[in-house]
Amino acid sequence: MNYALFEEFKSFFTQITLKKNEFLVKEQEVCKYFCFIEEGILQHALLVNDEEKTTYLALKNSFTSSLKSFLLNVPSRKFVKAIHECNLWVIDQDSFQKLLQENKTFHNFYYTLIEKQICLIDDYRIDLLTLTPEERYKKLLENEPKLLNEVPLHYLSSFLGISSRHMSRIRKNIK
């Protein structure tokens, strides 16, 4: 993300801080904000049979939201919480729509952001179906090595669709 580009429309956003384990949105609540993460990491997850499943990890210098909930004003099927203290720049639905309609730079930026996210989600889903747990871990090592230092192991293993125990064995065998 080009931070200079964000500076161009930053005045439409408000800064907030989430402490570790605080929620941007809880499951079954409507997400009020689209946000830019200046510092920290947000976990997108849901409970399945009382087990937390991580669906996405939003990192520093990225935008995120429980998008369907935010855009359609419907209850979120997942929660989004801080796994480290987060400094966020947030925008509400009305301001977001106004910015999208009136600022061509933001409109183009958002369009490109959504295209990239769709491609990443497609790759992720295909990887879950076609790669072994070891291959998924190796791919993470190659593409996002900093995650291994910044994100607790149980979130990473959940995100990769690997049990924590199996993840420990994989990490021991692959260095």
N, C-alpha and C. Protein backbone atom coordinates (compact mmCIF):
# COMPACT_ATOMS: atom_id res chain seq x y z
N MET A 1 0.86 -1.18 0.00
CA MET A 1 0.00 0.00 0.00
C MET A 1 0.89 1.23 0.00
N ASN A 2 0.57 2.14 -0.83
CA ASN A 2 1.31 3.39 -0.92
C ASN A 2 0.80 4.33 0.17
N TYR A 3 1.61 4.51 1.23
CA TYR A 3 1.18 5.35 2.36
C TYR A 3 0.93 6.78 1.92
N ALA A 4 1.69 7.27 0.96
CA ALA A 4 1.47 8.63 0.44
C ALA A 4 0.08 8.75 -0.16
N LEU A 5 -0.39 7.70 -0.80
CA LEU A 5 -1.75 7.69 -1.36
C LEU A 5 -2.79 7.78 -0.24
N PHE A 6 -2.58 7.02 0.84
CA PHE A 6 -3.50 7.09 1.97
C PHE A 6 -3.54 8.51 2.54
N GLU A 7 -2.40 9.17 2.59
CA GLU A 7 -2.34 10.55 3.11
C GLU A 7 -3.31 11.47 2.36
N GLU A 8 -3.54 11.16 1.09
CA GLU A 8 -4.41 12.00 0.26
C GLU A 8 -5.87 11.99 0.75
N PHE A 9 -6.31 10.88 1.32
CA PHE A 9 -7.70 10.82 1.79
C PHE A 9 -7.81 10.50 3.28
N LYS A 10 -6.71 10.59 4.00
CA LYS A 10 -6.66 10.31 5.43
C LYS A 10 -7.60 11.22 6.25
N SER A 11 -7.83 12.43 5.79
CA SER A 11 -8.66 13.38 6.54
C SER A 11 -10.11 12.90 6.69
N PHE A 12 -10.52 11.95 5.88
CA PHE A 12 -11.87 11.39 5.98
C PHE A 12 -11.95 10.32 7.07
N PHE A 13 -10.81 9.88 7.56
CA PHE A 13 -10.71 8.81 8.55
C PHE A 13 -10.49 9.38 9.94
N THR A 14 -10.83 8.61 10.97
CA THR A 14 -10.61 8.96 12.36
C THR A 14 -9.70 7.92 12.98
N GLN A 15 -8.77 8.36 13.82
CA GLN A 15 -7.84 7.43 14.44
C GLN A 15 -8.42 6.84 15.72
N ILE A 16 -8.29 5.52 15.87
CA ILE A 16 -8.68 4.83 17.11
C ILE A 16 -7.59 3.83 17.47
N THR A 17 -7.60 3.39 18.71
CA THR A 17 -6.67 2.36 19.18
C THR A 17 -7.47 1.19 19.72
N LEU A 18 -7.08 -0.01 19.34
CA LEU A 18 -7.64 -1.22 19.93
C LEU A 18 -6.54 -1.88 20.74
N LYS A 19 -6.83 -2.21 21.98
CA LYS A 19 -5.88 -2.95 22.80
C LYS A 19 -5.91 -4.42 22.37
N LYS A 20 -4.90 -5.16 22.73
CA LYS A 20 -4.84 -6.58 22.43
C LYS A 20 -6.15 -7.25 22.88
N ASN A 21 -6.73 -8.04 22.01
CA ASN A 21 -7.97 -8.80 22.22
C ASN A 21 -9.24 -7.96 22.19
N GLU A 22 -9.15 -6.67 21.87
CA GLU A 22 -10.35 -5.87 21.67
C GLU A 22 -10.85 -6.10 20.25
N PHE A 23 -12.15 -5.92 20.06
CA PHE A 23 -12.79 -6.23 18.79
C PHE A 23 -13.06 -4.98 17.94
N LEU A 24 -12.80 -5.11 16.64
CA LEU A 24 -13.30 -4.13 15.68
C LEU A 24 -14.78 -4.43 15.45
N VAL A 25 -15.11 -5.70 15.38
CA VAL A 25 -16.50 -6.15 15.28
C VAL A 25 -16.59 -7.55 15.90
N LYS A 26 -17.70 -7.82 16.56
CA LYS A 26 -17.97 -9.15 17.10
C LYS A 26 -18.90 -9.89 16.16
N GLU A 27 -18.86 -11.21 16.26
CA GLU A 27 -19.76 -12.05 15.48
C GLU A 27 -21.21 -11.65 15.78
N GLN A 28 -22.02 -11.58 14.75
CA GLN A 28 -23.45 -11.23 14.82
C GLN A 28 -23.72 -9.75 15.11
N GLU A 29 -22.67 -8.91 15.06
CA GLU A 29 -22.86 -7.46 15.15
C GLU A 29 -22.55 -6.86 13.79
N VAL A 30 -23.10 -5.69 13.51
CA VAL A 30 -22.82 -5.02 12.25
C VAL A 30 -21.49 -4.29 12.36
N CYS A 31 -20.63 -4.49 11.36
CA CYS A 31 -19.34 -3.82 11.34
C CYS A 31 -19.54 -2.36 10.95
N LYS A 32 -19.08 -1.46 11.80
CA LYS A 32 -19.30 -0.03 11.59
C LYS A 32 -18.20 0.64 10.77
N TYR A 33 -17.05 -0.04 10.62
CA TYR A 33 -15.91 0.65 10.03
C TYR A 33 -15.17 -0.15 8.95
N PHE A 34 -14.63 0.60 8.03
CA PHE A 34 -13.60 0.15 7.09
C PHE A 34 -12.34 0.81 7.64
N CYS A 35 -11.23 0.10 7.72
CA CYS A 35 -10.07 0.70 8.40
C CYS A 35 -8.74 0.43 7.72
N PHE A 36 -7.82 1.33 8.02
CA PHE A 36 -6.41 1.22 7.64
C PHE A 36 -5.64 0.90 8.91
N ILE A 37 -4.80 -0.12 8.86
CA ILE A 37 -4.01 -0.52 10.03
C ILE A 37 -2.65 0.18 9.96
N GLU A 38 -2.47 1.16 10.84
CA GLU A 38 -1.19 1.88 10.90
C GLU A 38 -0.16 1.06 11.69
N GLU A 39 -0.61 0.41 12.73
CA GLU A 39 0.23 -0.47 13.57
C GLU A 39 -0.62 -1.62 14.05
N GLY A 40 -0.02 -2.81 14.14
CA GLY A 40 -0.71 -3.95 14.72
C GLY A 40 -1.20 -4.96 13.69
N ILE A 41 -1.93 -5.94 14.18
CA ILE A 41 -2.46 -7.02 13.35
C ILE A 41 -3.88 -7.32 13.82
N LEU A 42 -4.80 -7.43 12.86
CA LEU A 42 -6.18 -7.82 13.16
C LEU A 42 -6.43 -9.23 12.65
N GLN A 43 -7.03 -10.04 13.51
CA GLN A 43 -7.40 -11.40 13.16
C GLN A 43 -8.87 -11.45 12.78
N HIS A 44 -9.17 -12.03 11.62
CA HIS A 44 -10.54 -12.32 11.22
C HIS A 44 -10.77 -13.79 11.56
N ALA A 45 -11.80 -14.08 12.34
CA ALA A 45 -12.01 -15.46 12.75
C ALA A 45 -13.48 -15.70 13.09
N LEU A 46 -13.81 -16.98 13.27
CA LEU A 46 -15.13 -17.37 13.72
C LEU A 46 -15.01 -18.61 14.56
N LEU A 47 -16.06 -18.88 15.31
CA LEU A 47 -16.08 -20.09 16.13
C LEU A 47 -16.82 -21.18 15.37
N VAL A 48 -16.18 -22.35 15.25
CA VAL A 48 -16.78 -23.51 14.62
C VAL A 48 -16.69 -24.64 15.63
N ASN A 49 -17.84 -25.10 16.12
CA ASN A 49 -17.87 -26.13 17.17
C ASN A 49 -16.98 -25.74 18.35
N ASP A 50 -17.11 -24.49 18.78
CA ASP A 50 -16.36 -23.92 19.91
C ASP A 50 -14.85 -23.84 19.68
N GLU A 51 -14.43 -23.99 18.44
CA GLU A 51 -13.00 -23.84 18.10
C GLU A 51 -12.84 -22.61 17.21
N GLU A 52 -11.88 -21.77 17.59
CA GLU A 52 -11.61 -20.55 16.83
C GLU A 52 -10.88 -20.89 15.54
N LYS A 53 -11.43 -20.42 14.41
CA LYS A 53 -10.83 -20.65 13.10
C LYS A 53 -10.46 -19.29 12.50
N THR A 54 -9.21 -19.09 12.23
CA THR A 54 -8.73 -17.84 11.63
C THR A 54 -8.91 -17.89 10.13
N THR A 55 -9.59 -16.88 9.58
CA THR A 55 -9.83 -16.84 8.14
C THR A 55 -8.90 -15.86 7.43
N TYR A 56 -8.35 -14.90 8.19
CA TYR A 56 -7.51 -13.88 7.57
C TYR A 56 -6.74 -13.16 8.66
N LEU A 57 -5.54 -12.70 8.32
CA LEU A 57 -4.73 -11.87 9.21
C LEU A 57 -4.42 -10.58 8.47
N ALA A 58 -4.96 -9.47 8.97
CA ALA A 58 -4.75 -8.17 8.35
C ALA A 58 -3.57 -7.49 9.04
N LEU A 59 -2.57 -7.13 8.25
CA LEU A 59 -1.30 -6.65 8.78
C LEU A 59 -1.16 -5.13 8.69
N LYS A 60 -0.11 -4.65 9.32
CA LYS A 60 0.25 -3.24 9.27
C LYS A 60 0.26 -2.75 7.82
N ASN A 61 -0.20 -1.51 7.62
CA ASN A 61 -0.25 -0.87 6.30
C ASN A 61 -1.20 -1.56 5.33
N SER A 62 -2.26 -2.13 5.87
CA SER A 62 -3.28 -2.71 4.99
C SER A 62 -4.66 -2.21 5.42
N PHE A 63 -5.62 -2.38 4.54
CA PHE A 63 -7.01 -2.02 4.81
C PHE A 63 -7.80 -3.29 5.10
N THR A 64 -8.80 -3.17 5.96
CA THR A 64 -9.61 -4.34 6.27
C THR A 64 -10.95 -3.92 6.86
N SER A 65 -11.84 -4.90 6.91
CA SER A 65 -13.17 -4.73 7.50
C SER A 65 -13.82 -6.10 7.46
N SER A 66 -14.92 -6.24 8.17
CA SER A 66 -15.80 -7.37 7.90
C SER A 66 -16.67 -6.85 6.77
N LEU A 67 -16.16 -6.98 5.56
CA LEU A 67 -16.65 -6.20 4.42
C LEU A 67 -18.13 -6.39 4.10
N LYS A 68 -18.58 -7.63 4.07
CA LYS A 68 -20.01 -7.86 3.77
C LYS A 68 -20.88 -7.16 4.80
N SER A 69 -20.53 -7.29 6.06
CA SER A 69 -21.28 -6.64 7.12
C SER A 69 -21.25 -5.13 6.97
N PHE A 70 -20.07 -4.60 6.71
CA PHE A 70 -19.90 -3.15 6.56
C PHE A 70 -20.69 -2.60 5.38
N LEU A 71 -20.54 -3.22 4.22
CA LEU A 71 -21.17 -2.71 3.00
C LEU A 71 -22.68 -2.90 2.98
N LEU A 72 -23.16 -4.03 3.50
CA LEU A 72 -24.59 -4.35 3.42
C LEU A 72 -25.35 -4.08 4.72
N ASN A 73 -24.62 -3.64 5.75
CA ASN A 73 -25.22 -3.34 7.03
C ASN A 73 -25.97 -4.56 7.60
N VAL A 74 -25.30 -5.71 7.55
CA VAL A 74 -25.86 -6.96 8.07
C VAL A 74 -24.92 -7.50 9.16
N PRO A 75 -25.44 -8.35 10.06
CA PRO A 75 -24.57 -8.91 11.10
C PRO A 75 -23.39 -9.68 10.50
N SER A 76 -22.24 -9.51 11.11
CA SER A 76 -21.02 -10.18 10.66
C SER A 76 -21.06 -11.66 11.04
N ARG A 77 -20.60 -12.49 10.14
CA ARG A 77 -20.51 -13.92 10.42
C ARG A 77 -19.21 -14.27 11.14
N LYS A 78 -18.33 -13.26 11.27
CA LYS A 78 -17.03 -13.49 11.91
C LYS A 78 -16.76 -12.34 12.86
N PHE A 79 -15.71 -12.50 13.66
CA PHE A 79 -15.25 -11.39 14.48
C PHE A 79 -13.90 -10.93 13.94
N VAL A 80 -13.58 -9.68 14.24
CA VAL A 80 -12.29 -9.11 13.88
C VAL A 80 -11.73 -8.51 15.15
N LYS A 81 -10.58 -9.05 15.60
CA LYS A 81 -10.01 -8.56 16.86
C LYS A 81 -8.51 -8.31 16.73
N ALA A 82 -8.02 -7.47 17.62
CA ALA A 82 -6.60 -7.13 17.65
C ALA A 82 -5.83 -8.26 18.34
N ILE A 83 -4.79 -8.76 17.67
CA ILE A 83 -3.93 -9.74 18.35
C ILE A 83 -2.69 -9.07 18.92
N HIS A 84 -2.50 -7.82 18.59
CA HIS A 84 -1.53 -6.91 19.21
C HIS A 84 -2.26 -5.58 19.33
N GLU A 85 -1.74 -4.67 20.14
CA GLU A 85 -2.36 -3.34 20.15
C GLU A 85 -2.33 -2.77 18.73
N CYS A 86 -3.43 -2.16 18.32
CA CYS A 86 -3.55 -1.66 16.95
C CYS A 86 -3.87 -0.18 16.93
N ASN A 87 -3.16 0.55 16.10
CA ASN A 87 -3.53 1.92 15.77
C ASN A 87 -4.22 1.87 14.41
N LEU A 88 -5.48 2.28 14.39
CA LEU A 88 -6.30 2.17 13.19
C LEU A 88 -6.81 3.55 12.77
N TRP A 89 -6.98 3.69 11.48
CA TRP A 89 -7.69 4.83 10.91
C TRP A 89 -8.99 4.27 10.36
N VAL A 90 -10.14 4.73 10.88
CA VAL A 90 -11.42 4.14 10.51
C VAL A 90 -12.32 5.17 9.83
N ILE A 91 -13.21 4.64 9.00
CA ILE A 91 -14.19 5.48 8.32
C ILE A 91 -15.54 4.76 8.40
N ASP A 92 -16.60 5.52 8.69
CA ASP A 92 -17.93 4.91 8.79
C ASP A 92 -18.55 4.78 7.39
N GLN A 93 -19.67 4.10 7.33
CA GLN A 93 -20.32 3.78 6.06
C GLN A 93 -20.70 5.03 5.24
N ASP A 94 -21.31 6.02 5.88
CA ASP A 94 -21.72 7.22 5.15
C ASP A 94 -20.53 7.96 4.56
N SER A 95 -19.50 8.14 5.37
CA SER A 95 -18.29 8.84 4.90
C SER A 95 -17.58 8.03 3.82
N PHE A 96 -17.58 6.72 3.99
CA PHE A 96 -16.95 5.83 3.02
C PHE A 96 -17.64 5.95 1.66
N GLN A 97 -18.97 5.90 1.65
CA GLN A 97 -19.72 6.00 0.39
C GLN A 97 -19.51 7.36 -0.27
N LYS A 98 -19.50 8.40 0.53
CA LYS A 98 -19.27 9.75 0.01
C LYS A 98 -17.87 9.85 -0.60
N LEU A 99 -16.87 9.34 0.10
CA LEU A 99 -15.50 9.36 -0.41
C LEU A 99 -15.38 8.55 -1.70
N LEU A 100 -16.01 7.40 -1.73
CA LEU A 100 -15.98 6.54 -2.90
C LEU A 100 -16.59 7.23 -4.12
N GLN A 101 -17.66 7.97 -3.91
CA GLN A 101 -18.36 8.64 -5.01
C GLN A 101 -17.67 9.94 -5.44
N GLU A 102 -17.07 10.64 -4.50
CA GLU A 102 -16.56 11.98 -4.79
C GLU A 102 -15.06 12.07 -5.03
N ASN A 103 -14.32 11.03 -4.66
CA ASN A 103 -12.87 11.09 -4.79
C ASN A 103 -12.41 9.99 -5.75
N LYS A 104 -12.07 10.38 -6.96
CA LYS A 104 -11.68 9.41 -8.00
C LYS A 104 -10.45 8.60 -7.59
N THR A 105 -9.51 9.24 -6.92
CA THR A 105 -8.31 8.52 -6.48
C THR A 105 -8.69 7.40 -5.52
N PHE A 106 -9.56 7.70 -4.55
CA PHE A 106 -10.00 6.67 -3.60
C PHE A 106 -10.80 5.59 -4.32
N HIS A 107 -11.67 5.98 -5.21
CA HIS A 107 -12.47 5.01 -5.97
C HIS A 107 -11.56 4.04 -6.72
N ASN A 108 -10.57 4.57 -7.43
CA ASN A 108 -9.63 3.71 -8.18
C ASN A 108 -8.81 2.84 -7.24
N PHE A 109 -8.36 3.43 -6.13
CA PHE A 109 -7.59 2.68 -5.14
C PHE A 109 -8.42 1.51 -4.60
N TYR A 110 -9.67 1.80 -4.21
CA TYR A 110 -10.54 0.78 -3.64
C TYR A 110 -10.82 -0.34 -4.65
N TYR A 111 -11.08 0.02 -5.87
CA TYR A 111 -11.32 -0.96 -6.93
C TYR A 111 -10.12 -1.90 -7.07
N THR A 112 -8.93 -1.33 -7.11
CA THR A 112 -7.70 -2.13 -7.23
C THR A 112 -7.50 -3.00 -5.99
N LEU A 113 -7.77 -2.45 -4.82
CA LEU A 113 -7.65 -3.20 -3.57
C LEU A 113 -8.55 -4.43 -3.59
N ILE A 114 -9.80 -4.24 -3.99
CA ILE A 114 -10.76 -5.35 -4.02
C ILE A 114 -10.33 -6.40 -5.05
N GLU A 115 -9.86 -5.98 -6.20
CA GLU A 115 -9.37 -6.94 -7.21
C GLU A 115 -8.24 -7.79 -6.64
N LYS A 116 -7.28 -7.13 -5.99
CA LYS A 116 -6.14 -7.87 -5.42
C LYS A 116 -6.60 -8.85 -4.34
N GLN A 117 -7.55 -8.41 -3.50
CA GLN A 117 -8.05 -9.27 -2.43
C GLN A 117 -8.77 -10.50 -3.00
N ILE A 118 -9.54 -10.30 -4.05
CA ILE A 118 -10.23 -11.43 -4.68
C ILE A 118 -9.21 -12.44 -5.20
N CYS A 119 -8.15 -11.97 -5.81
CA CYS A 119 -7.10 -12.86 -6.31
C CYS A 119 -6.42 -13.61 -5.16
N LEU A 120 -6.13 -12.90 -4.06
CA LEU A 120 -5.49 -13.55 -2.90
C LEU A 120 -6.41 -14.61 -2.29
N ILE A 121 -7.69 -14.30 -2.18
CA ILE A 121 -8.65 -15.26 -1.62
C ILE A 121 -8.74 -16.49 -2.52
N ASP A 122 -8.76 -16.28 -3.83
CA ASP A 122 -8.80 -17.39 -4.78
C ASP A 122 -7.57 -18.28 -4.61
N ASP A 123 -6.38 -17.67 -4.55
CA ASP A 123 -5.14 -18.44 -4.35
C ASP A 123 -5.19 -19.22 -3.03
N TYR A 124 -5.64 -18.55 -1.97
CA TYR A 124 -5.71 -19.18 -0.65
C TYR A 124 -6.62 -20.41 -0.68
N ARG A 125 -7.79 -20.27 -1.28
CA ARG A 125 -8.73 -21.39 -1.34
C ARG A 125 -8.17 -22.55 -2.16
N ILE A 126 -7.52 -22.24 -3.27
CA ILE A 126 -6.91 -23.29 -4.09
C ILE A 126 -5.78 -23.96 -3.33
N ASP A 127 -4.96 -23.17 -2.62
CA ASP A 127 -3.87 -23.75 -1.82
C ASP A 127 -4.40 -24.71 -0.76
N LEU A 128 -5.51 -24.34 -0.10
CA LEU A 128 -6.07 -25.22 0.92
C LEU A 128 -6.49 -26.57 0.33
N LEU A 129 -6.91 -26.56 -0.93
CA LEU A 129 -7.38 -27.78 -1.58
C LEU A 129 -6.26 -28.58 -2.24
N THR A 130 -5.18 -27.92 -2.64
CA THR A 130 -4.18 -28.61 -3.47
C THR A 130 -2.82 -28.79 -2.81
N LEU A 131 -2.50 -28.01 -1.79
CA LEU A 131 -1.18 -28.11 -1.16
C LEU A 131 -1.27 -28.89 0.16
N THR A 132 -0.21 -29.61 0.46
CA THR A 132 -0.14 -30.29 1.75
C THR A 132 0.11 -29.24 2.84
N PRO A 133 -0.14 -29.58 4.10
CA PRO A 133 0.17 -28.63 5.17
C PRO A 133 1.62 -28.15 5.13
N GLU A 134 2.55 -29.06 4.83
CA GLU A 134 3.96 -28.68 4.74
C GLU A 134 4.19 -27.66 3.61
N GLU A 135 3.55 -27.89 2.47
CA GLU A 135 3.69 -26.97 1.34
C GLU A 135 3.08 -25.60 1.66
N ARG A 136 1.95 -25.60 2.37
CA ARG A 136 1.34 -24.31 2.75
C ARG A 136 2.25 -23.55 3.70
N TYR A 137 2.87 -24.26 4.63
CA TYR A 137 3.80 -23.62 5.57
C TYR A 137 5.02 -23.07 4.83
N LYS A 138 5.58 -23.86 3.91
CA LYS A 138 6.74 -23.40 3.13
C LYS A 138 6.39 -22.17 2.30
N LYS A 139 5.20 -22.15 1.73
CA LYS A 139 4.77 -21.00 0.95
C LYS A 139 4.67 -19.76 1.84
N LEU A 140 4.14 -19.94 3.04
CA LEU A 140 4.09 -18.83 3.99
C LEU A 140 5.50 -18.34 4.34
N LEU A 141 6.42 -19.27 4.56
CA LEU A 141 7.81 -18.92 4.85
C LEU A 141 8.42 -18.08 3.73
N GLU A 142 8.13 -18.46 2.49
CA GLU A 142 8.69 -17.76 1.33
C GLU A 142 8.04 -16.40 1.11
N ASN A 143 6.71 -16.33 1.25
CA ASN A 143 5.98 -15.11 0.89
C ASN A 143 5.78 -14.13 2.04
N GLU A 144 5.68 -14.62 3.26
CA GLU A 144 5.40 -13.75 4.41
C GLU A 144 6.25 -14.16 5.62
N PRO A 145 7.58 -14.16 5.50
CA PRO A 145 8.41 -14.65 6.61
C PRO A 145 8.24 -13.85 7.91
N LYS A 146 7.92 -12.56 7.80
CA LYS A 146 7.77 -11.74 9.02
C LYS A 146 6.58 -12.18 9.87
N LEU A 147 5.59 -12.84 9.24
CA LEU A 147 4.44 -13.32 10.01
C LEU A 147 4.87 -14.29 11.12
N LEU A 148 5.91 -15.06 10.84
CA LEU A 148 6.34 -16.07 11.81
C LEU A 148 6.86 -15.43 13.10
N ASN A 149 7.35 -14.20 13.01
CA ASN A 149 7.82 -13.49 14.20
C ASN A 149 6.73 -12.63 14.83
N GLU A 150 5.74 -12.22 14.05
CA GLU A 150 4.74 -11.26 14.52
C GLU A 150 3.44 -11.89 14.98
N VAL A 151 3.14 -13.08 14.51
CA VAL A 151 1.83 -13.70 14.78
C VAL A 151 2.03 -14.97 15.60
N PRO A 152 1.31 -15.09 16.73
CA PRO A 152 1.40 -16.33 17.51
C PRO A 152 1.06 -17.56 16.67
N LEU A 153 1.76 -18.63 16.97
CA LEU A 153 1.69 -19.87 16.19
C LEU A 153 0.26 -20.40 16.03
N HIS A 154 -0.55 -20.34 17.08
CA HIS A 154 -1.90 -20.92 16.97
C HIS A 154 -2.78 -20.17 15.97
N TYR A 155 -2.54 -18.86 15.77
CA TYR A 155 -3.28 -18.13 14.75
C TYR A 155 -2.81 -18.55 13.35
N LEU A 156 -1.50 -18.68 13.20
CA LEU A 156 -0.96 -19.09 11.89
C LEU A 156 -1.42 -20.49 11.51
N SER A 157 -1.39 -21.41 12.47
CA SER A 157 -1.79 -22.79 12.15
C SER A 157 -3.27 -22.83 11.77
N SER A 158 -4.09 -22.07 12.48
CA SER A 158 -5.52 -22.00 12.15
C SER A 158 -5.72 -21.42 10.75
N PHE A 159 -5.02 -20.34 10.45
CA PHE A 159 -5.12 -19.70 9.14
C PHE A 159 -4.72 -20.65 8.01
N LEU A 160 -3.69 -21.46 8.26
CA LEU A 160 -3.21 -22.41 7.25
C LEU A 160 -4.01 -23.71 7.22
N GLY A 161 -4.97 -23.86 8.14
CA GLY A 161 -5.77 -25.08 8.17
C GLY A 161 -4.99 -26.27 8.69
N ILE A 162 -4.11 -26.02 9.65
CA ILE A 162 -3.25 -27.06 10.21
C ILE A 162 -3.46 -27.07 11.72
N SER A 163 -3.53 -28.26 12.32
CA SER A 163 -3.65 -28.32 13.78
C SER A 163 -2.36 -27.77 14.41
N SER A 164 -2.48 -27.22 15.61
CA SER A 164 -1.30 -26.67 16.29
C SER A 164 -0.23 -27.73 16.50
N ARG A 165 -0.64 -28.95 16.82
CA ARG A 165 0.32 -30.03 17.04
C ARG A 165 1.07 -30.36 15.75
N HIS A 166 0.32 -30.47 14.65
CA HIS A 166 0.96 -30.77 13.36
C HIS A 166 1.86 -29.60 12.95
N MET A 167 1.43 -28.38 13.21
CA MET A 167 2.23 -27.20 12.88
C MET A 167 3.57 -27.24 13.62
N SER A 168 3.56 -27.64 14.87
CA SER A 168 4.81 -27.74 15.63
C SER A 168 5.77 -28.75 14.99
N ARG A 169 5.20 -29.89 14.55
CA ARG A 169 6.06 -30.91 13.90
C ARG A 169 6.61 -30.37 12.58
N ILE A 170 5.78 -29.69 11.81
CA ILE A 170 6.23 -29.13 10.53
C ILE A 170 7.36 -28.12 10.76
N ARG A 171 7.16 -27.24 11.73
CA ARG A 171 8.19 -26.21 12.02
C ARG A 171 9.51 -26.85 12.45
N LYS A 172 9.41 -27.95 13.19
CA LYS A 172 10.63 -28.62 13.65
C LYS A 172 11.38 -29.26 12.47
N ASN A 173 10.63 -29.75 11.48
CA ASN A 173 11.23 -30.42 10.33
C ASN A 173 11.68 -29.48 9.24
N ILE A 174 11.09 -28.29 9.20
CA ILE A 174 11.41 -27.31 8.15
C ILE A 174 11.99 -26.06 8.81
N LYS A 175 13.21 -25.75 8.53
CA LYS A 175 13.84 -24.53 9.08
C LYS A 175 14.46 -23.73 8.00
